[in-house]
Amino acid sequence: MSVSSPPTGSITPIIPGSITAISDTAHLVAARAAVGITPQDVADRMPGTRSVVSHLESGVHSRPTLTTIERCARAVRAVIEIRVRTRR
């Protein structure tokens, strides 16, 4: 399955001045579209509600748990990557 690269997501400081978490919800939307399912289908597979999926995809839910992101990714047959990089 080939998914084109969506735009870069937002960067949210976890501890001001030290660690940041990159939340790239566009990849989840692209993965969902690639498998041809709706937010309700994702919610049913997680399990969860359509509003949780919609909030996650739109960025409204600014601090989702890793478990929520993992369940959503699994529902669209995607994987989560956690990277540690040096500052530029």
N, C-alpha and C. Protein backbone atom coordinates (compact mmCIF):
# COMPACT_ATOMS: atom_id res chain seq x y z
N MET A 1 0.85 -1.16 0.00
CA MET A 1 0.00 0.00 0.00
C MET A 1 0.90 1.23 0.00
N SER A 2 0.68 2.11 -0.94
CA SER A 2 1.47 3.32 -1.05
C SER A 2 0.60 4.52 -0.71
N VAL A 3 1.05 5.30 0.26
CA VAL A 3 0.32 6.49 0.67
C VAL A 3 1.24 7.68 0.43
N SER A 4 0.74 8.69 -0.28
CA SER A 4 1.56 9.87 -0.53
C SER A 4 1.82 10.60 0.77
N SER A 5 2.90 11.34 0.81
CA SER A 5 3.28 12.07 2.02
C SER A 5 2.38 13.26 2.25
N PRO A 6 1.61 13.26 3.32
CA PRO A 6 0.78 14.40 3.65
C PRO A 6 1.63 15.51 4.24
N PRO A 7 1.05 16.69 4.42
CA PRO A 7 1.81 17.79 4.99
C PRO A 7 2.28 17.50 6.40
N THR A 8 3.33 18.17 6.82
CA THR A 8 3.89 17.98 8.15
C THR A 8 2.90 18.41 9.21
N GLY A 9 2.86 17.67 10.31
CA GLY A 9 1.92 17.96 11.39
C GLY A 9 2.43 19.03 12.33
N SER A 10 1.72 19.18 13.43
CA SER A 10 2.07 20.20 14.40
C SER A 10 3.12 19.68 15.37
N ILE A 11 3.83 20.57 16.00
CA ILE A 11 4.83 20.21 17.00
C ILE A 11 4.38 20.79 18.33
N THR A 12 4.23 19.93 19.32
CA THR A 12 3.74 20.34 20.63
C THR A 12 4.79 20.09 21.69
N PRO A 13 5.21 21.12 22.44
CA PRO A 13 6.19 20.88 23.50
C PRO A 13 5.61 20.02 24.61
N ILE A 14 6.33 19.01 25.03
CA ILE A 14 5.93 18.20 26.17
C ILE A 14 6.50 18.84 27.43
N ILE A 15 7.79 19.10 27.41
CA ILE A 15 8.44 19.83 28.49
C ILE A 15 9.06 21.05 27.83
N PRO A 16 8.58 22.25 28.16
CA PRO A 16 9.07 23.44 27.47
C PRO A 16 10.60 23.49 27.40
N GLY A 17 11.10 23.67 26.19
CA GLY A 17 12.54 23.80 25.99
C GLY A 17 13.30 22.51 25.89
N SER A 18 12.63 21.35 25.98
CA SER A 18 13.40 20.11 25.92
C SER A 18 12.86 19.11 24.91
N ILE A 19 11.71 18.53 25.14
CA ILE A 19 11.21 17.44 24.31
C ILE A 19 9.97 17.92 23.56
N THR A 20 9.83 17.51 22.31
CA THR A 20 8.62 17.84 21.56
C THR A 20 8.00 16.57 21.02
N ALA A 21 6.70 16.59 20.87
CA ALA A 21 5.98 15.48 20.27
C ALA A 21 5.41 15.97 18.96
N ILE A 22 5.64 15.22 17.90
CA ILE A 22 5.12 15.61 16.60
C ILE A 22 3.85 14.81 16.35
N SER A 23 2.77 15.53 16.20
CA SER A 23 1.48 14.90 15.95
C SER A 23 1.11 15.11 14.50
N ASP A 24 1.25 14.09 13.70
CA ASP A 24 0.99 14.23 12.28
C ASP A 24 -0.27 13.46 11.92
N THR A 25 -1.39 14.06 12.22
CA THR A 25 -2.67 13.39 11.99
C THR A 25 -2.98 13.22 10.52
N ALA A 26 -2.35 14.00 9.65
CA ALA A 26 -2.59 13.86 8.22
C ALA A 26 -2.22 12.46 7.73
N HIS A 27 -1.23 11.84 8.36
CA HIS A 27 -0.86 10.47 7.98
C HIS A 27 -1.98 9.49 8.33
N LEU A 28 -2.65 9.70 9.46
CA LEU A 28 -3.76 8.82 9.82
C LEU A 28 -4.91 8.97 8.84
N VAL A 29 -5.20 10.20 8.44
CA VAL A 29 -6.28 10.44 7.46
C VAL A 29 -5.92 9.78 6.13
N ALA A 30 -4.67 9.94 5.70
CA ALA A 30 -4.23 9.34 4.44
C ALA A 30 -4.30 7.82 4.49
N ALA A 31 -3.91 7.24 5.62
CA ALA A 31 -3.96 5.78 5.77
C ALA A 31 -5.41 5.29 5.75
N ARG A 32 -6.29 6.04 6.41
CA ARG A 32 -7.71 5.66 6.40
C ARG A 32 -8.27 5.73 4.99
N ALA A 33 -7.94 6.78 4.26
CA ALA A 33 -8.42 6.93 2.88
C ALA A 33 -7.87 5.82 1.99
N ALA A 34 -6.63 5.43 2.24
CA ALA A 34 -6.00 4.38 1.42
C ALA A 34 -6.70 3.03 1.56
N VAL A 35 -7.25 2.76 2.74
CA VAL A 35 -7.97 1.49 2.92
C VAL A 35 -9.46 1.64 2.66
N GLY A 36 -9.88 2.87 2.37
CA GLY A 36 -11.26 3.12 1.96
C GLY A 36 -12.32 2.95 3.03
N ILE A 37 -12.01 3.41 4.25
CA ILE A 37 -13.00 3.29 5.32
C ILE A 37 -13.33 4.67 5.88
N THR A 38 -14.44 4.76 6.58
CA THR A 38 -14.92 6.02 7.16
C THR A 38 -14.43 6.16 8.60
N PRO A 39 -14.53 7.38 9.16
CA PRO A 39 -14.20 7.52 10.58
C PRO A 39 -15.04 6.60 11.47
N GLN A 40 -16.29 6.35 11.10
CA GLN A 40 -17.12 5.43 11.88
C GLN A 40 -16.55 4.02 11.82
N ASP A 41 -16.07 3.59 10.65
CA ASP A 41 -15.44 2.27 10.53
C ASP A 41 -14.22 2.16 11.44
N VAL A 42 -13.41 3.23 11.47
CA VAL A 42 -12.23 3.25 12.34
C VAL A 42 -12.67 3.12 13.80
N ALA A 43 -13.68 3.89 14.19
CA ALA A 43 -14.19 3.84 15.56
C ALA A 43 -14.67 2.44 15.92
N ASP A 44 -15.36 1.79 15.00
CA ASP A 44 -15.85 0.44 15.25
C ASP A 44 -14.71 -0.55 15.43
N ARG A 45 -13.62 -0.34 14.72
CA ARG A 45 -12.47 -1.25 14.80
C ARG A 45 -11.59 -0.99 16.02
N MET A 46 -11.65 0.22 16.61
CA MET A 46 -10.72 0.57 17.68
C MET A 46 -10.94 -0.20 18.99
N PRO A 47 -11.97 -0.28 19.69
CA PRO A 47 -13.26 0.38 19.58
C PRO A 47 -13.21 1.79 20.16
N GLY A 48 -14.11 2.61 19.67
CA GLY A 48 -14.18 3.99 20.11
C GLY A 48 -15.40 4.64 19.50
N THR A 49 -15.44 5.96 19.54
CA THR A 49 -16.56 6.67 18.94
C THR A 49 -16.08 7.45 17.73
N ARG A 50 -17.01 7.76 16.84
CA ARG A 50 -16.66 8.52 15.64
C ARG A 50 -16.12 9.89 16.01
N SER A 51 -16.66 10.48 17.08
CA SER A 51 -16.18 11.81 17.49
C SER A 51 -14.73 11.76 17.95
N VAL A 52 -14.31 10.69 18.63
CA VAL A 52 -12.91 10.55 19.03
C VAL A 52 -12.01 10.51 17.80
N VAL A 53 -12.42 9.73 16.80
CA VAL A 53 -11.64 9.63 15.56
C VAL A 53 -11.60 10.97 14.84
N SER A 54 -12.74 11.63 14.73
CA SER A 54 -12.81 12.93 14.06
C SER A 54 -11.94 13.97 14.76
N HIS A 55 -11.99 13.99 16.10
CA HIS A 55 -11.16 14.93 16.86
C HIS A 55 -9.68 14.63 16.66
N LEU A 56 -9.33 13.35 16.68
CA LEU A 56 -7.93 12.97 16.48
C LEU A 56 -7.45 13.39 15.10
N GLU A 57 -8.25 13.11 14.07
CA GLU A 57 -7.86 13.44 12.70
C GLU A 57 -7.80 14.95 12.46
N SER A 58 -8.65 15.71 13.12
CA SER A 58 -8.68 17.15 12.88
C SER A 58 -7.69 17.92 13.75
N GLY A 59 -7.12 17.26 14.73
CA GLY A 59 -6.19 17.93 15.63
C GLY A 59 -6.87 18.62 16.80
N VAL A 60 -8.19 18.48 16.91
CA VAL A 60 -8.93 19.10 18.01
C VAL A 60 -8.50 18.47 19.34
N HIS A 61 -8.29 17.17 19.33
CA HIS A 61 -7.84 16.46 20.53
C HIS A 61 -6.32 16.62 20.57
N SER A 62 -5.85 17.67 21.22
CA SER A 62 -4.44 18.05 21.14
C SER A 62 -3.49 17.13 21.90
N ARG A 63 -4.00 16.35 22.83
CA ARG A 63 -3.12 15.47 23.61
C ARG A 63 -3.68 14.06 23.70
N PRO A 64 -3.83 13.38 22.57
CA PRO A 64 -4.35 12.02 22.62
C PRO A 64 -3.31 11.10 23.27
N THR A 65 -3.78 10.04 23.89
CA THR A 65 -2.86 9.09 24.48
C THR A 65 -2.22 8.26 23.37
N LEU A 66 -1.08 7.69 23.68
CA LEU A 66 -0.43 6.80 22.72
C LEU A 66 -1.32 5.61 22.42
N THR A 67 -2.06 5.15 23.40
CA THR A 67 -2.99 4.03 23.20
C THR A 67 -4.05 4.38 22.17
N THR A 68 -4.61 5.59 22.24
CA THR A 68 -5.63 6.02 21.27
C THR A 68 -5.03 6.09 19.87
N ILE A 69 -3.85 6.67 19.77
CA ILE A 69 -3.19 6.76 18.46
C ILE A 69 -2.88 5.37 17.92
N GLU A 70 -2.42 4.48 18.79
CA GLU A 70 -2.10 3.12 18.39
C GLU A 70 -3.34 2.37 17.90
N ARG A 71 -4.46 2.50 18.62
CA ARG A 71 -5.69 1.83 18.21
C ARG A 71 -6.18 2.35 16.86
N CYS A 72 -6.08 3.65 16.67
CA CYS A 72 -6.50 4.25 15.40
C CYS A 72 -5.60 3.77 14.27
N ALA A 73 -4.30 3.75 14.51
CA ALA A 73 -3.35 3.29 13.49
C ALA A 73 -3.60 1.83 13.14
N ARG A 74 -3.81 1.01 14.15
CA ARG A 74 -4.08 -0.41 13.90
C ARG A 74 -5.36 -0.59 13.09
N ALA A 75 -6.36 0.24 13.36
CA ALA A 75 -7.65 0.15 12.65
C ALA A 75 -7.50 0.43 11.16
N VAL A 76 -6.50 1.25 10.79
CA VAL A 76 -6.30 1.58 9.36
C VAL A 76 -5.09 0.85 8.79
N ARG A 77 -4.63 -0.16 9.53
CA ARG A 77 -3.49 -0.99 9.12
C ARG A 77 -2.22 -0.16 8.89
N ALA A 78 -1.98 0.77 9.80
CA ALA A 78 -0.78 1.60 9.76
C ALA A 78 0.09 1.28 10.98
N VAL A 79 1.29 1.80 11.00
CA VAL A 79 2.19 1.60 12.12
C VAL A 79 2.56 2.96 12.71
N ILE A 80 2.97 2.95 13.95
CA ILE A 80 3.42 4.16 14.63
C ILE A 80 4.94 4.11 14.69
N GLU A 81 5.56 5.23 14.37
CA GLU A 81 7.01 5.33 14.49
C GLU A 81 7.33 6.41 15.52
N ILE A 82 8.20 6.08 16.44
CA ILE A 82 8.67 7.05 17.42
C ILE A 82 10.14 7.28 17.14
N ARG A 83 10.48 8.54 16.95
CA ARG A 83 11.87 8.87 16.60
C ARG A 83 12.45 9.82 17.63
N VAL A 84 13.73 9.65 17.85
CA VAL A 84 14.48 10.57 18.68
C VAL A 84 15.52 11.21 17.77
N ARG A 85 15.53 12.55 17.72
CA ARG A 85 16.46 13.26 16.85
C ARG A 85 17.21 14.31 17.66
N THR A 86 18.37 14.65 17.17
CA THR A 86 19.10 15.74 17.79
C THR A 86 18.51 17.06 17.32
N ARG A 87 18.69 18.08 18.11
CA ARG A 87 18.17 19.40 17.73
C ARG A 87 18.99 19.96 16.59
N ARG A 88 18.34 20.72 15.78
CA ARG A 88 19.02 21.35 14.65
C ARG A 88 19.36 22.78 14.95
